[in-house]
Amino acid sequence: MTEELPALRASDADRERVAEILRDAVAEGRLAMEEFDERLDAAYRARTYRELEVLTADLPVGATAPAPLSLRKESAAPAPWAERIVDGAEGSSVGLAFLGGFQRKGRWTIGRRFTAACLMGGGEIDLREADFAGSEVVVSCWVLMGGVNVVVPPGVHVEVRGVGIMGGFDAREEGAPGEPGAPRVIVRGLAMMGGVGVERKLPRAEKRRLKEEQRRLKEEQRRLDGHPRKELD
């Protein structure tokens, strides 16, 4: 009977549950940040229980496959995305790189339509801490002998519709499940002798928190190892 379970299709809730297990594991020092990034990326791309099961098989809570989600309708917890989608805001709309580069990162607002043009240059569009001028944002990339890198946080819907001529658009993050209420980011355009990359990363604050938690746990373990408990007479 257990042979049939891994063949079942996984739901968005199942993928998010595994992602939470991985976050707990890195906070407890069971996973290094590099391995955590790899497993988290694989979790959001997983299509079946089998793919999810292997990601947590060596963790205490990962001995069994995630339980199927109940079909009964339940109230969902409020998503944090509502605070980051600012309808009516104008936001930044252009990034230009001619024999140079541009960056949009940190706390900023991306407009509903953002155009990135690169001629023998490069651009970085980091949306991990950004606000969005609408629930759907279109990033148009026009690249000639250059490149653009788009960074999105977990939970954001991604669609890639670009065309590459002696170049390419990275569509690995396309199709990853999005969270309820999260914005949709559509990446399109043309890359000639260049490329457009799309990658999913944790926000810097979350990475810092996990690293600090790892460091705290290691220091606590070292302190316990250095002060063995005294035996009673």
C-alpha atoms as a PDB file:
ATOM      1  CA  MET A   1       0.000   0.000   0.000  1.00  0.00           C
ATOM      2  CA  THR A   2       2.869   2.378   0.720  1.00  0.00           C
ATOM      3  CA  GLU A   3       4.167   1.804  -2.812  1.00  0.00           C
ATOM      4  CA  GLU A   4       1.293   3.868  -4.247  1.00  0.00           C
ATOM      5  CA  LEU A   5       1.685   6.902  -1.992  1.00  0.00           C
ATOM      6  CA  PRO A   6       4.841   8.470  -3.493  1.00  0.00           C
ATOM      7  CA  ALA A   7       3.210   8.417  -6.963  1.00  0.00           C
ATOM      8  CA  LEU A   8       0.466  10.793  -5.839  1.00  0.00           C
ATOM      9  CA  ARG A   9       0.615  14.374  -7.047  1.00  0.00           C
ATOM     10  CA  ALA A  10       1.720  16.875  -4.410  1.00  0.00           C
ATOM     11  CA  SER A  11      -0.265  20.019  -3.651  1.00  0.00           C
ATOM     12  CA  ASP A  12       0.929  23.568  -2.978  1.00  0.00           C
ATOM     13  CA  ALA A  13       0.250  22.990   0.726  1.00  0.00           C
ATOM     14  CA  ASP A  14       2.426  19.858   0.692  1.00  0.00           C
ATOM     15  CA  ARG A  15       5.332  21.746  -0.900  1.00  0.00           C
ATOM     16  CA  GLU A  16       5.008  24.570   1.600  1.00  0.00           C
ATOM     17  CA  ARG A  17       4.905  22.071   4.475  1.00  0.00           C
ATOM     18  CA  VAL A  18       8.190  20.527   3.306  1.00  0.00           C
ATOM     19  CA  ALA A  19       9.694  24.020   2.924  1.00  0.00           C
ATOM     20  CA  GLU A  20       8.801  24.708   6.560  1.00  0.00           C
ATOM     21  CA  ILE A  21      10.462  21.436   7.629  1.00  0.00           C
ATOM     22  CA  LEU A  22      13.617  22.503   5.786  1.00  0.00           C
ATOM     23  CA  ARG A  23      13.575  25.940   7.442  1.00  0.00           C
ATOM     24  CA  ASP A  24      13.317  24.305  10.857  1.00  0.00           C
ATOM     25  CA  ALA A  25      16.171  21.939   9.956  1.00  0.00           C
ATOM     26  CA  VAL A  26      18.568  24.736   9.007  1.00  0.00           C
ATOM     27  CA  ALA A  27      17.621  26.692  12.129  1.00  0.00           C
ATOM     28  CA  GLU A  28      18.446  23.613  14.232  1.00  0.00           C
ATOM     29  CA  GLY A  29      21.815  23.187  12.527  1.00  0.00           C
ATOM     30  CA  ARG A  30      20.861  19.961  10.730  1.00  0.00           C
ATOM     31  CA  LEU A  31      21.373  21.496   7.269  1.00  0.00           C
ATOM     32  CA  ALA A  32      24.015  23.905   5.983  1.00  0.00           C
ATOM     33  CA  MET A  33      22.731  26.990   4.156  1.00  0.00           C
ATOM     34  CA  GLU A  34      24.020  25.728   0.793  1.00  0.00           C
ATOM     35  CA  GLU A  35      22.205  22.410   1.140  1.00  0.00           C
ATOM     36  CA  PHE A  36      19.111  24.202   2.426  1.00  0.00           C
ATOM     37  CA  ASP A  37      19.022  26.412  -0.677  1.00  0.00           C
ATOM     38  CA  GLU A  38      19.292  23.361  -2.951  1.00  0.00           C
ATOM     39  CA  ARG A  39      16.550  21.428  -1.160  1.00  0.00           C
ATOM     40  CA  LEU A  40      14.225  24.413  -0.934  1.00  0.00           C
ATOM     41  CA  ASP A  41      14.599  24.985  -4.663  1.00  0.00           C
ATOM     42  CA  ALA A  42      13.829  21.315  -5.344  1.00  0.00           C
ATOM     43  CA  ALA A  43      10.812  21.395  -3.012  1.00  0.00           C
ATOM     44  CA  TYR A  44       9.136  24.222  -4.909  1.00  0.00           C
ATOM     45  CA  ARG A  45       9.673  22.341  -8.188  1.00  0.00           C
ATOM     46  CA  ALA A  46       8.460  18.968  -6.910  1.00  0.00           C
ATOM     47  CA  ARG A  47       5.409  17.432  -8.563  1.00  0.00           C
ATOM     48  CA  THR A  48       4.919  14.219  -6.564  1.00  0.00           C
ATOM     49  CA  TYR A  49       5.219  12.924  -3.002  1.00  0.00           C
ATOM     50  CA  ARG A  50       8.217  10.861  -4.082  1.00  0.00           C
ATOM     51  CA  GLU A  51      10.149  14.033  -4.959  1.00  0.00           C
ATOM     52  CA  LEU A  52       9.207  15.656  -1.655  1.00  0.00           C
ATOM     53  CA  GLU A  53       9.908  12.574   0.436  1.00  0.00           C
ATOM     54  CA  VAL A  54      13.584  12.349  -0.530  1.00  0.00           C
ATOM     55  CA  LEU A  55      14.154  15.968   0.546  1.00  0.00           C
ATOM     56  CA  THR A  56      13.238  15.243   4.178  1.00  0.00           C
ATOM     57  CA  ALA A  57      14.043  11.514   4.429  1.00  0.00           C
ATOM     58  CA  ASP A  58      17.171  12.148   6.553  1.00  0.00           C
ATOM     59  CA  LEU A  59      15.428  14.607   8.873  1.00  0.00           C
ATOM     60  CA  PRO A  60      13.569  13.580  12.060  1.00  0.00           C
ATOM     61  CA  VAL A  61      10.195  14.775  10.778  1.00  0.00           C
ATOM     62  CA  GLY A  62      10.737  13.436   7.268  1.00  0.00           C
ATOM     63  CA  ALA A  63      10.459   9.706   7.857  1.00  0.00           C
ATOM     64  CA  THR A  64       7.104   9.528   6.103  1.00  0.00           C
ATOM     65  CA  ALA A  65       5.631  11.278   3.106  1.00  0.00           C
ATOM     66  CA  PRO A  66       3.452  14.330   3.772  1.00  0.00           C
ATOM     67  CA  ALA A  67      -0.163  13.470   4.450  1.00  0.00           C
ATOM     68  CA  PRO A  68      -2.585  14.396   1.643  1.00  0.00           C
ATOM     69  CA  LEU A  69      -4.374  17.672   2.168  1.00  0.00           C
ATOM     70  CA  SER A  70      -7.949  17.409   3.336  1.00  0.00           C
ATOM     71  CA  LEU A  71     -10.530  18.227   0.668  1.00  0.00           C
ATOM     72  CA  ARG A  72     -12.623  20.045   3.254  1.00  0.00           C
ATOM     73  CA  LYS A  73     -12.541  23.806   2.787  1.00  0.00           C
ATOM     74  CA  GLU A  74     -10.698  25.517   5.628  1.00  0.00           C
ATOM     75  CA  SER A  75      -9.974  29.161   6.366  1.00  0.00           C
ATOM     76  CA  ALA A  76      -6.449  30.118   5.325  1.00  0.00           C
ATOM     77  CA  ALA A  77      -4.134  32.230   7.426  1.00  0.00           C
ATOM     78  CA  PRO A  78      -3.814  35.807   6.206  1.00  0.00           C
ATOM     79  CA  ALA A  79      -0.943  36.160   3.723  1.00  0.00           C
ATOM     80  CA  PRO A  80       1.687  38.872   4.289  1.00  0.00           C
ATOM     81  CA  TRP A  81       1.607  39.856   0.605  1.00  0.00           C
ATOM     82  CA  ALA A  82      -1.272  42.296   1.067  1.00  0.00           C
ATOM     83  CA  GLU A  83       1.127  44.765   2.713  1.00  0.00           C
ATOM     84  CA  ARG A  84       3.551  44.585  -0.235  1.00  0.00           C
ATOM     85  CA  ILE A  85       1.075  45.022  -3.081  1.00  0.00           C
ATOM     86  CA  VAL A  86       0.520  48.776  -3.277  1.00  0.00           C
ATOM     87  CA  ASP A  87      -2.215  49.371  -5.833  1.00  0.00           C
ATOM     88  CA  GLY A  88      -1.990  52.790  -7.434  1.00  0.00           C
ATOM     89  CA  ALA A  89       1.701  53.294  -6.711  1.00  0.00           C
ATOM     90  CA  GLU A  90       3.787  54.361  -9.695  1.00  0.00           C
ATOM     91  CA  GLY A  91       6.989  52.553  -8.775  1.00  0.00           C
ATOM     92  CA  SER A  92      10.236  52.220 -10.706  1.00  0.00           C
ATOM     93  CA  SER A  93       9.730  51.380 -14.368  1.00  0.00           C
ATOM     94  CA  VAL A  94      13.121  51.452 -16.147  1.00  0.00           C
ATOM     95  CA  GLY A  95      16.594  50.010 -15.744  1.00  0.00           C
ATOM     96  CA  LEU A  96      19.293  50.819 -18.317  1.00  0.00           C
ATOM     97  CA  ALA A  97      22.770  49.364 -18.724  1.00  0.00           C
ATOM     98  CA  PHE A  98      24.915  50.490 -21.667  1.00  0.00           C
ATOM     99  CA  LEU A  99      28.523  49.366 -21.266  1.00  0.00           C
ATOM    100  CA  GLY A 100      27.809  49.267 -17.563  1.00  0.00           C
ATOM    101  CA  GLY A 101      25.193  48.017 -15.142  1.00  0.00           C
ATOM    102  CA  PHE A 102      22.185  48.820 -12.991  1.00  0.00           C
ATOM    103  CA  GLN A 103      20.750  47.450  -9.740  1.00  0.00           C
ATOM    104  CA  ARG A 104      17.333  47.562  -8.136  1.00  0.00           C
ATOM    105  CA  LYS A 105      17.530  45.937  -4.714  1.00  0.00           C
ATOM    106  CA  GLY A 106      16.578  46.410  -1.106  1.00  0.00           C
ATOM    107  CA  ARG A 107      13.306  48.142  -0.249  1.00  0.00           C
ATOM    108  CA  TRP A 108      11.891  49.634  -3.455  1.00  0.00           C
ATOM    109  CA  THR A 109       8.665  49.550  -5.454  1.00  0.00           C
ATOM    110  CA  ILE A 110       8.525  47.954  -8.879  1.00  0.00           C
ATOM    111  CA  GLY A 111       5.933  49.348 -11.266  1.00  0.00           C
ATOM    112  CA  ARG A 112       3.349  47.255 -13.080  1.00  0.00           C
ATOM    113  CA  ARG A 113       5.559  47.499 -16.189  1.00  0.00           C
ATOM    114  CA  PHE A 114       9.327  47.452 -15.777  1.00  0.00           C
ATOM    115  CA  THR A 115      11.674  47.623 -18.777  1.00  0.00           C
ATOM    116  CA  ALA A 116      15.299  46.457 -18.520  1.00  0.00           C
ATOM    117  CA  ALA A 117      17.537  47.331 -21.487  1.00  0.00           C
ATOM    118  CA  CYS A 118      21.138  46.103 -21.536  1.00  0.00           C
ATOM    119  CA  LEU A 119      23.726  46.651 -24.268  1.00  0.00           C
ATOM    120  CA  MET A 120      27.036  44.994 -23.379  1.00  0.00           C
ATOM    121  CA  GLY A 121      26.080  45.478 -19.751  1.00  0.00           C
ATOM    122  CA  GLY A 122      24.178  43.815 -16.947  1.00  0.00           C
ATOM    123  CA  GLY A 123      21.294  44.445 -14.620  1.00  0.00           C
ATOM    124  CA  GLU A 124      20.018  43.014 -11.341  1.00  0.00           C
ATOM    125  CA  ILE A 125      16.346  43.171 -10.360  1.00  0.00           C
ATOM    126  CA  ASP A 126      16.023  41.909  -6.788  1.00  0.00           C
ATOM    127  CA  LEU A 127      12.401  41.599  -5.632  1.00  0.00           C
ATOM    128  CA  ARG A 128      13.000  39.859  -2.299  1.00  0.00           C
ATOM    129  CA  GLU A 129      12.290  43.005  -0.275  1.00  0.00           C
ATOM    130  CA  ALA A 130      10.445  44.994  -2.928  1.00  0.00           C
ATOM    131  CA  ASP A 131       6.876  46.271  -2.924  1.00  0.00           C
ATOM    132  CA  PHE A 132       4.706  45.709  -6.004  1.00  0.00           C
ATOM    133  CA  ALA A 133       2.576  48.350  -7.740  1.00  0.00           C
ATOM    134  CA  GLY A 134       0.041  45.673  -8.635  1.00  0.00           C
ATOM    135  CA  SER A 135      -0.791  42.010  -8.226  1.00  0.00           C
ATOM    136  CA  GLU A 136       0.779  41.351 -11.640  1.00  0.00           C
ATOM    137  CA  VAL A 137       4.130  42.796 -12.694  1.00  0.00           C
ATOM    138  CA  VAL A 138       5.597  42.483 -16.191  1.00  0.00           C
ATOM    139  CA  VAL A 139       9.381  42.709 -16.536  1.00  0.00           C
ATOM    140  CA  SER A 140      10.406  43.249 -20.166  1.00  0.00           C
ATOM    141  CA  CYS A 141      14.074  42.463 -20.802  1.00  0.00           C
ATOM    142  CA  TRP A 142      15.853  43.562 -23.986  1.00  0.00           C
ATOM    143  CA  VAL A 143      19.396  42.271 -23.937  1.00  0.00           C
ATOM    144  CA  LEU A 144      22.204  42.483 -26.511  1.00  0.00           C
ATOM    145  CA  MET A 145      25.542  40.966 -25.465  1.00  0.00           C
ATOM    146  CA  GLY A 146      24.650  41.391 -21.821  1.00  0.00           C
ATOM    147  CA  GLY A 147      22.467  39.932 -19.106  1.00  0.00           C
ATOM    148  CA  VAL A 148      19.712  40.530 -16.582  1.00  0.00           C
ATOM    149  CA  ASN A 149      19.205  38.604 -13.341  1.00  0.00           C
ATOM    150  CA  VAL A 150      15.766  38.616 -11.683  1.00  0.00           C
ATOM    151  CA  VAL A 151      15.613  37.450  -8.059  1.00  0.00           C
ATOM    152  CA  VAL A 152      12.224  36.581  -6.534  1.00  0.00           C
ATOM    153  CA  PRO A 153      11.350  35.410  -3.008  1.00  0.00           C
ATOM    154  CA  PRO A 154       9.629  32.087  -2.277  1.00  0.00           C
ATOM    155  CA  GLY A 155       5.881  32.231  -2.812  1.00  0.00           C
ATOM    156  CA  VAL A 156       5.829  34.495  -5.871  1.00  0.00           C
ATOM    157  CA  HIS A 157       4.263  33.200  -9.090  1.00  0.00           C
ATOM    158  CA  VAL A 158       6.708  33.326 -12.027  1.00  0.00           C
ATOM    159  CA  GLU A 159       6.049  33.107 -15.768  1.00  0.00           C
ATOM    160  CA  VAL A 160       8.831  33.299 -18.371  1.00  0.00           C
ATOM    161  CA  ARG A 161       7.877  34.205 -21.937  1.00  0.00           C
ATOM    162  CA  GLY A 162      11.150  35.464 -23.386  1.00  0.00           C
ATOM    163  CA  VAL A 163      12.947  34.484 -26.584  1.00  0.00           C
ATOM    164  CA  GLY A 164      16.669  33.850 -26.850  1.00  0.00           C
ATOM    165  CA  ILE A 165      18.766  34.156 -30.018  1.00  0.00           C
ATOM    166  CA  MET A 166      22.252  32.806 -29.390  1.00  0.00           C
ATOM    167  CA  GLY A 167      21.248  33.403 -25.799  1.00  0.00           C
ATOM    168  CA  GLY A 168      18.441  32.363 -23.519  1.00  0.00           C
ATOM    169  CA  PHE A 169      15.851  32.894 -20.798  1.00  0.00           C
ATOM    170  CA  ASP A 170      16.120  30.777 -17.670  1.00  0.00           C
ATOM    171  CA  ALA A 171      12.680  29.235 -17.038  1.00  0.00           C
ATOM    172  CA  ARG A 172      13.616  26.931 -14.132  1.00  0.00           C
ATOM    173  CA  GLU A 173      11.473  28.872 -11.639  1.00  0.00           C
ATOM    174  CA  GLU A 174       8.418  28.864 -13.886  1.00  0.00           C
ATOM    175  CA  GLY A 175       5.611  26.718 -12.571  1.00  0.00           C
ATOM    176  CA  ALA A 176       6.761  26.742  -8.942  1.00  0.00           C
ATOM    177  CA  PRO A 177       3.698  27.012  -6.678  1.00  0.00           C
ATOM    178  CA  GLY A 178       2.781  30.471  -5.481  1.00  0.00           C
ATOM    179  CA  GLU A 179       1.265  31.447  -2.155  1.00  0.00           C
ATOM    180  CA  PRO A 180      -2.306  32.739  -1.913  1.00  0.00           C
ATOM    181  CA  GLY A 181      -2.366  36.480  -2.532  1.00  0.00           C
ATOM    182  CA  ALA A 182       1.226  36.569  -3.824  1.00  0.00           C
ATOM    183  CA  PRO A 183       2.001  38.714  -6.884  1.00  0.00           C
ATOM    184  CA  ARG A 184       2.639  37.261 -10.321  1.00  0.00           C
ATOM    185  CA  VAL A 185       5.899  38.210 -12.048  1.00  0.00           C
ATOM    186  CA  ILE A 186       5.985  37.799 -15.828  1.00  0.00           C
ATOM    187  CA  VAL A 187       9.439  37.944 -17.419  1.00  0.00           C
ATOM    188  CA  ARG A 188       9.475  38.449 -21.185  1.00  0.00           C
ATOM    189  CA  GLY A 189      11.499  40.066 -23.948  1.00  0.00           C
ATOM    190  CA  LEU A 190      14.455  39.200 -26.176  1.00  0.00           C
ATOM    191  CA  ALA A 191      18.012  38.126 -25.366  1.00  0.00           C
ATOM    192  CA  MET A 192      20.494  38.172 -28.249  1.00  0.00           C
ATOM    193  CA  MET A 193      23.968  36.837 -27.481  1.00  0.00           C
ATOM    194  CA  GLY A 194      23.081  37.287 -23.836  1.00  0.00           C
ATOM    195  CA  GLY A 195      20.860  35.867 -21.158  1.00  0.00           C
ATOM    196  CA  VAL A 196      18.117  36.514 -18.633  1.00  0.00           C
ATOM    197  CA  GLY A 197      18.203  34.523 -15.405  1.00  0.00           C
ATOM    198  CA  VAL A 198      15.427  34.041 -12.867  1.00  0.00           C
ATOM    199  CA  GLU A 199      16.231  32.632  -9.433  1.00  0.00           C
ATOM    200  CA  ARG A 200      14.344  32.188  -6.192  1.00  0.00           C
ATOM    201  CA  LYS A 201      16.091  33.110  -2.924  1.00  0.00           C
ATOM    202  CA  LEU A 202      15.123  33.734   0.672  1.00  0.00           C
ATOM    203  CA  PRO A 203      15.034  37.396   1.765  1.00  0.00           C
ATOM    204  CA  ARG A 204      18.267  38.536   3.355  1.00  0.00           C
ATOM    205  CA  ALA A 205      16.611  39.081   6.734  1.00  0.00           C
ATOM    206  CA  GLU A 206      15.378  35.476   6.785  1.00  0.00           C
ATOM    207  CA  LYS A 207      18.817  34.163   5.809  1.00  0.00           C
ATOM    208  CA  ARG A 208      20.409  36.243   8.569  1.00  0.00           C
ATOM    209  CA  ARG A 209      17.870  34.928  11.076  1.00  0.00           C
ATOM    210  CA  LEU A 210      18.569  31.315  10.114  1.00  0.00           C
ATOM    211  CA  LYS A 211      22.340  31.822  10.260  1.00  0.00           C
ATOM    212  CA  GLU A 212      22.055  33.523  13.643  1.00  0.00           C
ATOM    213  CA  GLU A 213      19.920  30.655  14.911  1.00  0.00           C
ATOM    214  CA  GLN A 214      22.499  28.179  13.644  1.00  0.00           C
ATOM    215  CA  ARG A 215      25.283  30.111  15.372  1.00  0.00           C
ATOM    216  CA  ARG A 216      23.328  30.313  18.630  1.00  0.00           C
ATOM    217  CA  LEU A 217      22.658  26.568  18.644  1.00  0.00           C
ATOM    218  CA  LYS A 218      26.323  25.763  17.923  1.00  0.00           C
ATOM    219  CA  GLU A 219      27.506  28.062  20.712  1.00  0.00           C
ATOM    220  CA  GLU A 220      25.030  26.506  23.110  1.00  0.00           C
ATOM    221  CA  GLN A 221      26.228  23.013  22.150  1.00  0.00           C
ATOM    222  CA  ARG A 222      29.880  24.021  22.614  1.00  0.00           C
ATOM    223  CA  ARG A 223      29.050  25.467  26.019  1.00  0.00           C
ATOM    224  CA  LEU A 224      27.338  22.257  27.061  1.00  0.00           C
ATOM    225  CA  ASP A 225      30.232  20.141  25.762  1.00  0.00           C
ATOM    226  CA  GLY A 226      32.755  22.295  27.637  1.00  0.00           C
ATOM    227  CA  HIS A 227      30.907  22.067  30.975  1.00  0.00           C
ATOM    228  CA  PRO A 228      29.952  18.450  31.531  1.00  0.00           C
ATOM    229  CA  ARG A 229      27.371  17.825  34.175  1.00  0.00           C
ATOM    230  CA  LYS A 230      28.875  16.966  37.577  1.00  0.00           C
ATOM    231  CA  GLU A 231      28.073  13.529  38.876  1.00  0.00           C
ATOM    232  CA  LEU A 232      26.459  13.258  42.264  1.00  0.00           C
ATOM    233  CA  ASP A 233      28.603  11.924  45.072  1.00  0.00           C
END
